[in-house]
Amino acid sequence: MADWHPILNAIEVAAGEWWMPDPLGKPYAVVRLVEVRGERGYRVVTYALDSGDRSLIGYYGNLRAATMGANHWFVSSRAAPSKPNLGW
C-alpha cells in the first residue's frame, strides 16, 4: 500500500486538467494547471457540473501535492462530524 498515491487515480480529461474520481468513478475534484503572476501551479476545486457551484480546495506547487490535497479533502469530507480527540 505504500506505493499507492492519489495521483494514480487522476484522469486527464484535457491538457492540464485532471478529474479525481471516487471509488464508484464519480468525480469529486478538478485539478487544473494554472499560471498566476508568472508562476505555474495547480488549482484544486470540488467537482460540480456547473463551474459556478465549485468550491476552492487549494493551490499547490506540483501535481503530486495537488492530488494529495484533493484526496485529503475527499476523505475528511466523508468523516462524521465530531470534536477533535472526542472532546478531550
Protein backbone atom coordinates (compact mmCIF):
# COMPACT_ATOMS: atom_id res chain seq x y z
CA MET A 1 0.00 0.00 0.00
CA ALA A 2 2.96 2.32 0.50
CA ASP A 3 3.41 2.62 -3.28
CA TRP A 4 -0.10 3.96 -3.92
CA HIS A 5 -0.65 7.71 -4.28
CA PRO A 6 -3.79 9.68 -5.28
CA ILE A 7 -2.01 10.82 -8.45
CA LEU A 8 -2.55 7.28 -9.74
CA ASN A 9 -6.33 7.91 -9.69
CA ALA A 10 -6.15 11.20 -11.60
CA ILE A 11 -7.84 11.08 -15.00
CA GLU A 12 -6.55 13.64 -17.51
CA VAL A 13 -9.66 14.87 -19.34
CA ALA A 14 -7.89 17.65 -21.24
CA ALA A 15 -4.38 19.03 -21.43
CA GLY A 16 -3.65 20.45 -17.97
CA GLU A 17 -6.92 19.25 -16.36
CA TRP A 18 -7.46 16.16 -14.24
CA TRP A 19 -10.56 14.79 -12.52
CA MET A 20 -10.28 12.85 -9.29
CA PRO A 21 -12.83 10.00 -9.16
CA ASP A 22 -14.31 8.39 -6.06
CA PRO A 23 -14.41 4.55 -5.78
CA LEU A 24 -17.59 4.48 -7.88
CA GLY A 25 -16.00 6.56 -10.65
CA LYS A 26 -17.85 9.82 -9.92
CA PRO A 27 -15.52 12.86 -9.95
CA TYR A 28 -15.15 14.68 -6.64
CA ALA A 29 -12.44 17.22 -7.53
CA VAL A 30 -10.91 19.01 -10.51
CA VAL A 31 -7.17 19.73 -10.67
CA ARG A 32 -6.15 22.33 -13.24
CA LEU A 33 -2.74 23.66 -14.27
CA VAL A 34 -2.78 27.45 -13.87
CA GLU A 35 -0.40 30.38 -14.14
CA VAL A 36 -0.64 33.14 -11.54
CA ARG A 37 1.68 36.16 -11.75
CA GLY A 38 4.13 34.24 -13.90
CA GLU A 39 4.26 31.18 -11.62
CA ARG A 40 2.77 27.87 -12.66
CA GLY A 41 0.96 25.66 -10.23
CA TYR A 42 -2.24 23.70 -9.71
CA ARG A 43 -5.67 24.86 -8.58
CA VAL A 44 -7.93 22.26 -6.97
CA VAL A 45 -11.70 22.72 -6.70
CA THR A 46 -14.60 20.46 -5.81
CA TYR A 47 -16.36 18.91 -8.78
CA ALA A 48 -19.77 20.19 -9.90
CA LEU A 49 -21.38 20.17 -13.33
CA ASP A 50 -21.84 23.94 -13.12
CA SER A 51 -18.43 25.52 -12.56
CA GLY A 52 -20.12 28.27 -10.51
CA ASP A 53 -21.02 25.69 -7.85
CA ARG A 54 -17.42 24.58 -7.30
CA SER A 55 -15.54 25.40 -4.08
CA LEU A 56 -11.82 26.06 -3.81
CA ILE A 57 -9.81 23.33 -2.08
CA GLY A 58 -6.41 24.99 -2.60
CA TYR A 59 -3.41 25.93 -4.73
CA TYR A 60 -0.38 23.65 -4.96
CA GLY A 61 3.10 23.80 -6.45
CA ASN A 62 3.07 20.37 -8.09
CA LEU A 63 0.61 17.78 -9.34
CA ARG A 64 1.56 15.26 -6.66
CA ALA A 65 0.67 17.70 -3.86
CA ALA A 66 -2.50 18.82 -5.68
CA THR A 67 -3.87 15.30 -6.00
CA MET A 68 -2.95 14.60 -2.37
CA GLY A 69 -4.81 17.76 -1.30
CA ALA A 70 -7.88 16.71 -3.29
CA ASN A 71 -7.79 13.23 -1.77
CA HIS A 72 -7.34 14.61 1.75
CA TRP A 73 -10.37 16.87 1.23
CA PHE A 74 -12.42 13.91 -0.06
CA VAL A 75 -11.52 11.60 2.83
CA SER A 76 -12.05 14.27 5.50
CA SER A 77 -15.39 15.30 3.99
CA ARG A 78 -16.65 11.72 4.49
CA ALA A 79 -15.85 11.59 8.21
CA ALA A 80 -18.59 12.00 10.77
CA PRO A 81 -18.52 15.49 12.30
CA SER A 82 -17.05 15.36 15.79
CA LYS A 83 -14.90 17.32 18.16
CA PRO A 84 -11.14 16.79 17.82
CA ASN A 85 -9.93 13.98 20.09
CA LEU A 86 -13.54 13.22 21.01
CA GLY A 87 -13.69 16.42 23.04
CA TRP A 88 -10.84 15.50 25.41
